[in-house]
Amino acid sequence: VQATAEATQHARPKAAKCPTLTVSEGWYGKNRARLQ
């Protein structure tokens, strides 16, 4: 599952209350996006 998620274009779930990271400063490269 994780390999598939990393290898394909990520589309966030459409549910209204999906938690989202709010702090962007300090993250290197794509780290924040991969954590999300």
PDB file of all heavy atoms in Angstrom:
ATOM      1  N   VAL A   1       0.823  -1.204   0.000  1.00  0.00           N
ATOM      2  CA  VAL A   1       0.000   0.000   0.000  1.00  0.00           C
ATOM      3  C   VAL A   1       0.859   1.258   0.000  1.00  0.00           C
ATOM      4  O   VAL A   1       0.639   2.188  -0.766  1.00  0.00           O
ATOM      5  CB  VAL A   1      -0.933   0.003   1.234  1.00  0.00           C
ATOM      6  CG1 VAL A   1      -1.598   1.358   1.397  1.00  0.00           C
ATOM      7  CG2 VAL A   1      -1.984  -1.078   1.071  1.00  0.00           C
ATOM      8  N   GLN A   2       1.892   1.279   0.853  1.00  0.00           N
ATOM      9  CA  GLN A   2       2.715   2.471   0.923  1.00  0.00           C
ATOM     10  C   GLN A   2       3.486   2.671  -0.375  1.00  0.00           C
ATOM     11  O   GLN A   2       3.632   3.781  -0.864  1.00  0.00           O
ATOM     12  CB  GLN A   2       3.690   2.378   2.108  1.00  0.00           C
ATOM     13  CG  GLN A   2       4.536   3.624   2.319  1.00  0.00           C
ATOM     14  CD  GLN A   2       3.693   4.795   2.773  1.00  0.00           C
ATOM     15  OE1 GLN A   2       2.568   4.603   3.214  1.00  0.00           O
ATOM     16  NE2 GLN A   2       4.228   5.988   2.638  1.00  0.00           N
ATOM     17  N   ALA A   3       4.002   1.588  -0.951  1.00  0.00           N
ATOM     18  CA  ALA A   3       4.728   1.716  -2.200  1.00  0.00           C
ATOM     19  C   ALA A   3       3.841   2.294  -3.284  1.00  0.00           C
ATOM     20  O   ALA A   3       4.256   3.149  -4.078  1.00  0.00           O
ATOM     21  CB  ALA A   3       5.272   0.348  -2.632  1.00  0.00           C
ATOM     22  N   THR A   4       2.594   1.827  -3.326  1.00  0.00           N
ATOM     23  CA  THR A   4       1.650   2.349  -4.313  1.00  0.00           C
ATOM     24  C   THR A   4       1.374   3.823  -4.080  1.00  0.00           C
ATOM     25  O   THR A   4       1.351   4.631  -5.014  1.00  0.00           O
ATOM     26  CB  THR A   4       0.332   1.560  -4.249  1.00  0.00           C
ATOM     27  OG1 THR A   4       0.616   0.193  -4.530  1.00  0.00           O
ATOM     28  CG2 THR A   4      -0.664   2.096  -5.261  1.00  0.00           C
ATOM     29  N   ALA A   5       1.180   4.177  -2.825  1.00  0.00           N
ATOM     30  CA  ALA A   5       0.892   5.568  -2.491  1.00  0.00           C
ATOM     31  C   ALA A   5       2.031   6.488  -2.895  1.00  0.00           C
ATOM     32  O   ALA A   5       1.825   7.608  -3.351  1.00  0.00           O
ATOM     33  CB  ALA A   5       0.610   5.710  -0.993  1.00  0.00           C
ATOM     34  N   GLU A   6       3.292   6.022  -2.709  1.00  0.00           N
ATOM     35  CA  GLU A   6       4.436   6.854  -3.029  1.00  0.00           C
ATOM     36  C   GLU A   6       4.665   6.934  -4.532  1.00  0.00           C
ATOM     37  O   GLU A   6       5.218   7.900  -5.040  1.00  0.00           O
ATOM     38  CB  GLU A   6       5.703   6.289  -2.352  1.00  0.00           C
ATOM     39  CG  GLU A   6       5.658   6.344  -0.847  1.00  0.00           C
ATOM     40  CD  GLU A   6       5.688   7.761  -0.333  1.00  0.00           C
ATOM     41  OE1 GLU A   6       6.061   8.670  -1.093  1.00  0.00           O
ATOM     42  OE2 GLU A   6       5.327   7.966   0.831  1.00  0.00           O
ATOM     43  N   ALA A   7       4.269   5.906  -5.255  1.00  0.00           N
ATOM     44  CA  ALA A   7       4.590   5.838  -6.671  1.00  0.00           C
ATOM     45  C   ALA A   7       3.560   6.527  -7.555  1.00  0.00           C
ATOM     46  O   ALA A   7       3.802   6.801  -8.718  1.00  0.00           O
ATOM     47  CB  ALA A   7       4.720   4.377  -7.105  1.00  0.00           C
ATOM     48  N   THR A   8       2.387   6.804  -7.036  1.00  0.00           N
ATOM     49  CA  THR A   8       1.323   7.384  -7.842  1.00  0.00           C
ATOM     50  C   THR A   8       0.987   8.788  -7.383  1.00  0.00           C
ATOM     51  O   THR A   8       1.353   9.208  -6.290  1.00  0.00           O
ATOM     52  CB  THR A   8       0.051   6.516  -7.753  1.00  0.00           C
ATOM     53  OG1 THR A   8      -0.368   6.451  -6.397  1.00  0.00           O
ATOM     54  CG2 THR A   8       0.326   5.099  -8.255  1.00  0.00           C
ATOM     55  N   GLN A   9       0.293   9.518  -8.234  1.00  0.00           N
ATOM     56  CA  GLN A   9      -0.133  10.872  -7.869  1.00  0.00           C
ATOM     57  C   GLN A   9      -1.084  10.792  -6.684  1.00  0.00           C
ATOM     58  O   GLN A   9      -2.036  10.022  -6.695  1.00  0.00           O
ATOM     59  CB  GLN A   9      -0.842  11.522  -9.058  1.00  0.00           C
ATOM     60  CG  GLN A   9      -1.331  12.928  -8.790  1.00  0.00           C
ATOM     61  CD  GLN A   9      -0.184  13.899  -8.610  1.00  0.00           C
ATOM     62  OE1 GLN A   9       0.862  13.696  -9.205  1.00  0.00           O
ATOM     63  NE2 GLN A   9      -0.373  14.918  -7.799  1.00  0.00           N
ATOM     64  N   HIS A  10      -0.797  11.601  -5.666  1.00  0.00           N
ATOM     65  CA  HIS A  10      -1.593  11.533  -4.436  1.00  0.00           C
ATOM     66  C   HIS A  10      -2.823  12.417  -4.548  1.00  0.00           C
ATOM     67  O   HIS A  10      -2.729  13.595  -4.868  1.00  0.00           O
ATOM     68  CB  HIS A  10      -0.740  11.979  -3.252  1.00  0.00           C
ATOM     69  CG  HIS A  10      -1.501  12.066  -1.973  1.00  0.00           C
ATOM     70  ND1 HIS A  10      -2.103  10.979  -1.387  1.00  0.00           N
ATOM     71  CD2 HIS A  10      -1.762  13.127  -1.162  1.00  0.00           C
ATOM     72  CE1 HIS A  10      -2.697  11.350  -0.278  1.00  0.00           C
ATOM     73  NE2 HIS A  10      -2.501  12.638  -0.117  1.00  0.00           N
ATOM     74  N   ALA A  11      -3.959  11.835  -4.285  1.00  0.00           N
ATOM     75  CA  ALA A  11      -5.212  12.594  -4.230  1.00  0.00           C
ATOM     76  C   ALA A  11      -5.769  12.483  -2.825  1.00  0.00           C
ATOM     77  O   ALA A  11      -6.030  11.388  -2.343  1.00  0.00           O
ATOM     78  CB  ALA A  11      -6.216  12.034  -5.236  1.00  0.00           C
ATOM     79  N   ARG A  12      -5.913  13.616  -2.138  1.00  0.00           N
ATOM     80  CA  ARG A  12      -6.391  13.587  -0.753  1.00  0.00           C
ATOM     81  C   ARG A  12      -7.833  13.135  -0.696  1.00  0.00           C
ATOM     82  O   ARG A  12      -8.627  13.423  -1.585  1.00  0.00           O
ATOM     83  CB  ARG A  12      -6.267  14.964  -0.120  1.00  0.00           C
ATOM     84  CG  ARG A  12      -4.825  15.435   0.021  1.00  0.00           C
ATOM     85  CD  ARG A  12      -4.705  16.417   1.147  1.00  0.00           C
ATOM     86  NE  ARG A  12      -5.003  15.766   2.411  1.00  0.00           N
ATOM     87  CZ  ARG A  12      -5.489  16.414   3.474  1.00  0.00           C
ATOM     88  NH1 ARG A  12      -5.764  17.687   3.409  1.00  0.00           N
ATOM     89  NH2 ARG A  12      -5.727  15.767   4.600  1.00  0.00           N
ATOM     90  N   PRO A  13      -8.206  12.420   0.379  1.00  0.00           N
ATOM     91  CA  PRO A  13      -9.602  12.011   0.546  1.00  0.00           C
ATOM     92  C   PRO A  13     -10.521  13.228   0.551  1.00  0.00           C
ATOM     93  O   PRO A  13     -10.131  14.322   0.942  1.00  0.00           O
ATOM     94  CB  PRO A  13      -9.590  11.310   1.913  1.00  0.00           C
ATOM     95  CG  PRO A  13      -8.177  10.892   2.114  1.00  0.00           C
ATOM     96  CD  PRO A  13      -7.339  11.941   1.454  1.00  0.00           C
ATOM     97  N   LYS A  14     -11.745  13.008   0.123  1.00  0.00           N
ATOM     98  CA  LYS A  14     -12.685  14.113   0.008  1.00  0.00           C
ATOM     99  C   LYS A  14     -13.471  14.379   1.288  1.00  0.00           C
ATOM    100  O   LYS A  14     -14.269  15.305   1.341  1.00  0.00           O
ATOM    101  CB  LYS A  14     -13.659  13.829  -1.136  1.00  0.00           C
ATOM    102  CG  LYS A  14     -12.973  13.788  -2.506  1.00  0.00           C
ATOM    103  CD  LYS A  14     -13.974  13.537  -3.611  1.00  0.00           C
ATOM    104  CE  LYS A  14     -13.293  13.514  -4.970  1.00  0.00           C
ATOM    105  NZ  LYS A  14     -14.260  13.262  -6.073  1.00  0.00           N
ATOM    106  N   ALA A  15     -13.269  13.548   2.302  1.00  0.00           N
ATOM    107  CA  ALA A  15     -14.012  13.746   3.545  1.00  0.00           C
ATOM    108  C   ALA A  15     -13.741  15.142   4.104  1.00  0.00           C
ATOM    109  O   ALA A  15     -12.648  15.677   3.988  1.00  0.00           O
ATOM    110  CB  ALA A  15     -13.602  12.682   4.569  1.00  0.00           C
ATOM    111  N   ALA A  16     -14.740  15.721   4.705  1.00  0.00           N
ATOM    112  CA  ALA A  16     -14.667  17.131   5.092  1.00  0.00           C
ATOM    113  C   ALA A  16     -13.701  17.390   6.237  1.00  0.00           C
ATOM    114  O   ALA A  16     -13.185  18.488   6.359  1.00  0.00           O
ATOM    115  CB  ALA A  16     -16.058  17.619   5.467  1.00  0.00           C
ATOM    116  N   LYS A  17     -13.441  16.411   7.090  1.00  0.00           N
ATOM    117  CA  LYS A  17     -12.665  16.661   8.290  1.00  0.00           C
ATOM    118  C   LYS A  17     -11.351  15.890   8.306  1.00  0.00           C
ATOM    119  O   LYS A  17     -10.903  15.430   9.353  1.00  0.00           O
ATOM    120  CB  LYS A  17     -13.501  16.318   9.521  1.00  0.00           C
ATOM    121  CG  LYS A  17     -14.739  17.205   9.686  1.00  0.00           C
ATOM    122  CD  LYS A  17     -15.493  16.875  10.970  1.00  0.00           C
ATOM    123  CE  LYS A  17     -16.692  17.776  11.136  1.00  0.00           C
ATOM    124  NZ  LYS A  17     -17.454  17.467  12.383  1.00  0.00           N
ATOM    125  N   CYS A  18     -10.719  15.744   7.171  1.00  0.00           N
ATOM    126  CA  CYS A  18      -9.417  15.083   7.126  1.00  0.00           C
ATOM    127  C   CYS A  18      -8.365  15.998   7.739  1.00  0.00           C
ATOM    128  O   CYS A  18      -8.187  17.124   7.271  1.00  0.00           O
ATOM    129  CB  CYS A  18      -9.039  14.746   5.685  1.00  0.00           C
ATOM    130  SG  CYS A  18     -10.115  13.499   4.956  1.00  0.00           S
ATOM    131  N   PRO A  19      -7.667  15.564   8.794  1.00  0.00           N
ATOM    132  CA  PRO A  19      -6.693  16.431   9.465  1.00  0.00           C
ATOM    133  C   PRO A  19      -5.528  16.780   8.536  1.00  0.00           C
ATOM    134  O   PRO A  19      -5.057  15.945   7.758  1.00  0.00           O
ATOM    135  CB  PRO A  19      -6.220  15.578  10.647  1.00  0.00           C
ATOM    136  CG  PRO A  19      -7.289  14.562  10.840  1.00  0.00           C
ATOM    137  CD  PRO A  19      -7.820  14.271   9.474  1.00  0.00           C
ATOM    138  N   THR A  20      -5.056  18.013   8.645  1.00  0.00           N
ATOM    139  CA  THR A  20      -4.005  18.515   7.762  1.00  0.00           C
ATOM    140  C   THR A  20      -2.906  19.183   8.569  1.00  0.00           C
ATOM    141  O   THR A  20      -3.179  19.941   9.496  1.00  0.00           O
ATOM    142  CB  THR A  20      -4.591  19.546   6.773  1.00  0.00           C
ATOM    143  OG1 THR A  20      -5.644  18.941   6.021  1.00  0.00           O
ATOM    144  CG2 THR A  20      -3.521  20.051   5.815  1.00  0.00           C
ATOM    145  N   LEU A  21      -1.657  18.908   8.213  1.00  0.00           N
ATOM    146  CA  LEU A  21      -0.526  19.601   8.814  1.00  0.00           C
ATOM    147  C   LEU A  21      -0.619  21.083   8.476  1.00  0.00           C
ATOM    148  O   LEU A  21      -0.913  21.459   7.339  1.00  0.00           O
ATOM    149  CB  LEU A  21       0.786  19.027   8.282  1.00  0.00           C
ATOM    150  CG  LEU A  21       1.093  17.574   8.659  1.00  0.00           C
ATOM    151  CD1 LEU A  21       2.265  17.043   7.841  1.00  0.00           C
ATOM    152  CD2 LEU A  21       1.388  17.452  10.149  1.00  0.00           C
ATOM    153  N   THR A  22      -0.363  21.928   9.465  1.00  0.00           N
ATOM    154  CA  THR A  22      -0.531  23.367   9.261  1.00  0.00           C
ATOM    155  C   THR A  22       0.785  24.133   9.265  1.00  0.00           C
ATOM    156  O   THR A  22       0.835  25.269   8.795  1.00  0.00           O
ATOM    157  CB  THR A  22      -1.449  23.960  10.346  1.00  0.00           C
ATOM    158  OG1 THR A  22      -0.877  23.732  11.628  1.00  0.00           O
ATOM    159  CG2 THR A  22      -2.830  23.343  10.272  1.00  0.00           C
ATOM    160  N   VAL A  23       1.849  23.556   9.815  1.00  0.00           N
ATOM    161  CA  VAL A  23       3.143  24.240   9.865  1.00  0.00           C
ATOM    162  C   VAL A  23       3.982  23.795   8.676  1.00  0.00           C
ATOM    163  O   VAL A  23       4.285  22.608   8.532  1.00  0.00           O
ATOM    164  CB  VAL A  23       3.875  23.933  11.186  1.00  0.00           C
ATOM    165  CG1 VAL A  23       5.255  24.596  11.193  1.00  0.00           C
ATOM    166  CG2 VAL A  23       3.055  24.401  12.379  1.00  0.00           C
ATOM    167  N   SER A  24       4.353  24.708   7.833  1.00  0.00           N
ATOM    168  CA  SER A  24       5.140  24.367   6.648  1.00  0.00           C
ATOM    169  C   SER A  24       6.616  24.731   6.787  1.00  0.00           C
ATOM    170  O   SER A  24       7.482  24.074   6.203  1.00  0.00           O
ATOM    171  CB  SER A  24       4.562  25.065   5.412  1.00  0.00           C
ATOM    172  OG  SER A  24       4.522  26.468   5.597  1.00  0.00           O
ATOM    173  N   GLU A  25       6.920  25.780   7.547  1.00  0.00           N
ATOM    174  CA  GLU A  25       8.307  26.219   7.711  1.00  0.00           C
ATOM    175  C   GLU A  25       9.140  25.136   8.386  1.00  0.00           C
ATOM    176  O   GLU A  25       8.702  24.490   9.336  1.00  0.00           O
ATOM    177  CB  GLU A  25       8.346  27.500   8.549  1.00  0.00           C
ATOM    178  CG  GLU A  25       9.742  28.073   8.717  1.00  0.00           C
ATOM    179  CD  GLU A  25       9.747  29.328   9.561  1.00  0.00           C
ATOM    180  OE1 GLU A  25       8.649  29.766   9.984  1.00  0.00           O
ATOM    181  OE2 GLU A  25      10.830  29.884   9.799  1.00  0.00           O
ATOM    182  N   GLY A  26      10.346  24.948   7.904  1.00  0.00           N
ATOM    183  CA  GLY A  26      11.288  24.036   8.546  1.00  0.00           C
ATOM    184  C   GLY A  26      11.343  22.652   7.943  1.00  0.00           C
ATOM    185  O   GLY A  26      12.291  21.908   8.197  1.00  0.00           O
ATOM    186  N   TRP A  27      10.358  22.285   7.147  1.00  0.00           N
ATOM    187  CA  TRP A  27      10.370  20.958   6.525  1.00  0.00           C
ATOM    188  C   TRP A  27      11.237  20.966   5.277  1.00  0.00           C
ATOM    189  O   TRP A  27      11.166  21.890   4.466  1.00  0.00           O
ATOM    190  CB  TRP A  27       8.953  20.515   6.178  1.00  0.00           C
ATOM    191  CG  TRP A  27       8.124  20.167   7.378  1.00  0.00           C
ATOM    192  CD1 TRP A  27       7.066  20.866   7.867  1.00  0.00           C
ATOM    193  CD2 TRP A  27       8.294  19.040   8.237  1.00  0.00           C
ATOM    194  NE1 TRP A  27       6.555  20.248   8.988  1.00  0.00           N
ATOM    195  CE2 TRP A  27       7.288  19.131   9.238  1.00  0.00           C
ATOM    196  CE3 TRP A  27       9.186  17.973   8.275  1.00  0.00           C
ATOM    197  CZ2 TRP A  27       7.164  18.178  10.253  1.00  0.00           C
ATOM    198  CZ3 TRP A  27       9.063  17.026   9.288  1.00  0.00           C
ATOM    199  CH2 TRP A  27       8.067  17.137  10.260  1.00  0.00           C
ATOM    200  N   TYR A  28      12.027  19.936   5.095  1.00  0.00           N
ATOM    201  CA  TYR A  28      12.944  19.836   3.969  1.00  0.00           C
ATOM    202  C   TYR A  28      12.276  19.127   2.792  1.00  0.00           C
ATOM    203  O   TYR A  28      11.612  18.090   2.968  1.00  0.00           O
ATOM    204  CB  TYR A  28      14.192  19.043   4.387  1.00  0.00           C
ATOM    205  CG  TYR A  28      15.190  18.814   3.279  1.00  0.00           C
ATOM    206  CD1 TYR A  28      16.139  19.777   2.964  1.00  0.00           C
ATOM    207  CD2 TYR A  28      15.176  17.630   2.549  1.00  0.00           C
ATOM    208  CE1 TYR A  28      17.058  19.572   1.959  1.00  0.00           C
ATOM    209  CE2 TYR A  28      16.091  17.405   1.536  1.00  0.00           C
ATOM    210  CZ  TYR A  28      17.029  18.390   1.236  1.00  0.00           C
ATOM    211  OH  TYR A  28      17.926  18.172   0.235  1.00  0.00           O
ATOM    212  N   GLY A  29      12.480  19.677   1.600  1.00  0.00           N
ATOM    213  CA  GLY A  29      12.034  19.012   0.382  1.00  0.00           C
ATOM    214  C   GLY A  29      10.567  18.614   0.433  1.00  0.00           C
ATOM    215  O   GLY A  29       9.688  19.430   0.706  1.00  0.00           O
ATOM    216  N   LYS A  30      10.312  17.332   0.168  1.00  0.00           N
ATOM    217  CA  LYS A  30       8.951  16.813   0.118  1.00  0.00           C
ATOM    218  C   LYS A  30       8.536  16.115   1.424  1.00  0.00           C
ATOM    219  O   LYS A  30       7.522  15.411   1.452  1.00  0.00           O
ATOM    220  CB  LYS A  30       8.818  15.831  -1.047  1.00  0.00           C
ATOM    221  CG  LYS A  30       9.040  16.466  -2.415  1.00  0.00           C
ATOM    222  CD  LYS A  30       8.879  15.440  -3.532  1.00  0.00           C
ATOM    223  CE  LYS A  30       9.094  16.084  -4.890  1.00  0.00           C
ATOM    224  NZ  LYS A  30       8.960  15.091  -6.002  1.00  0.00           N
ATOM    225  N   ASN A  31       9.292  16.330   2.492  1.00  0.00           N
ATOM    226  CA  ASN A  31       9.018  15.609   3.740  1.00  0.00           C
ATOM    227  C   ASN A  31       7.608  15.868   4.258  1.00  0.00           C
ATOM    228  O   ASN A  31       6.896  14.939   4.662  1.00  0.00           O
ATOM    229  CB  ASN A  31      10.037  15.981   4.805  1.00  0.00           C
ATOM    230  CG  ASN A  31      11.404  15.380   4.536  1.00  0.00           C
ATOM    231  OD1 ASN A  31      11.558  14.530   3.655  1.00  0.00           O
ATOM    232  ND2 ASN A  31      12.409  15.812   5.279  1.00  0.00           N
ATOM    233  N   ARG A  32       7.197  17.128   4.290  1.00  0.00           N
ATOM    234  CA  ARG A  32       5.863  17.439   4.808  1.00  0.00           C
ATOM    235  C   ARG A  32       4.788  16.788   3.951  1.00  0.00           C
ATOM    236  O   ARG A  32       3.809  16.226   4.475  1.00  0.00           O
ATOM    237  CB  ARG A  32       5.657  18.948   4.859  1.00  0.00           C
ATOM    238  CG  ARG A  32       4.291  19.385   5.378  1.00  0.00           C
ATOM    239  CD  ARG A  32       4.252  20.911   5.526  1.00  0.00           C
ATOM    240  NE  ARG A  32       2.936  21.386   5.930  1.00  0.00           N
ATOM    241  CZ  ARG A  32       1.965  21.738   5.103  1.00  0.00           C
ATOM    242  NH1 ARG A  32       2.165  21.644   3.778  1.00  0.00           N
ATOM    243  NH2 ARG A  32       0.813  22.176   5.563  1.00  0.00           N
ATOM    244  N   ALA A  33       4.959  16.825   2.640  1.00  0.00           N
ATOM    245  CA  ALA A  33       3.975  16.226   1.738  1.00  0.00           C
ATOM    246  C   ALA A  33       3.899  14.718   1.925  1.00  0.00           C
ATOM    247  O   ALA A  33       2.808  14.127   1.897  1.00  0.00           O
ATOM    248  CB  ALA A  33       4.326  16.560   0.292  1.00  0.00           C
ATOM    249  N   ARG A  34       5.031  14.088   2.146  1.00  0.00           N
ATOM    250  CA  ARG A  34       5.027  12.636   2.335  1.00  0.00           C
ATOM    251  C   ARG A  34       4.403  12.257   3.677  1.00  0.00           C
ATOM    252  O   ARG A  34       3.713  11.241   3.787  1.00  0.00           O
ATOM    253  CB  ARG A  34       6.442  12.087   2.208  1.00  0.00           C
ATOM    254  CG  ARG A  34       7.008  12.192   0.793  1.00  0.00           C
ATOM    255  CD  ARG A  34       8.326  11.481   0.669  1.00  0.00           C
ATOM    256  NE  ARG A  34       8.156  10.034   0.831  1.00  0.00           N
ATOM    257  CZ  ARG A  34       9.179   9.191   0.918  1.00  0.00           C
ATOM    258  NH1 ARG A  34      10.426   9.646   0.907  1.00  0.00           N
ATOM    259  NH2 ARG A  34       8.956   7.888   1.066  1.00  0.00           N
ATOM    260  N   LEU A  35       4.647  13.078   4.693  1.00  0.00           N
ATOM    261  CA  LEU A  35       4.000  12.827   5.977  1.00  0.00           C
ATOM    262  C   LEU A  35       2.482  12.981   5.852  1.00  0.00           C
ATOM    263  O   LEU A  35       1.718  12.168   6.383  1.00  0.00           O
ATOM    264  CB  LEU A  35       4.541  13.786   7.033  1.00  0.00           C
ATOM    265  CG  LEU A  35       5.971  13.518   7.511  1.00  0.00           C
ATOM    266  CD1 LEU A  35       6.516  14.707   8.283  1.00  0.00           C
ATOM    267  CD2 LEU A  35       6.029  12.247   8.356  1.00  0.00           C
ATOM    268  N   GLN A  36       2.045  14.011   5.146  1.00  0.00           N
ATOM    269  CA  GLN A  36       0.608  14.201   4.940  1.00  0.00           C
ATOM    270  C   GLN A  36       0.015  13.023   4.191  1.00  0.00           C
ATOM    271  O   GLN A  36      -1.090  12.547   4.504  1.00  0.00           O
ATOM    272  CB  GLN A  36       0.353  15.495   4.175  1.00  0.00           C
ATOM    273  CG  GLN A  36      -1.123  15.843   4.044  1.00  0.00           C
ATOM    274  CD  GLN A  36      -1.766  16.145   5.378  1.00  0.00           C
ATOM    275  OE1 GLN A  36      -1.383  17.096   6.064  1.00  0.00           O
ATOM    276  NE2 GLN A  36      -2.743  15.337   5.781  1.00  0.00           N
TER     277      GLN A  36
END
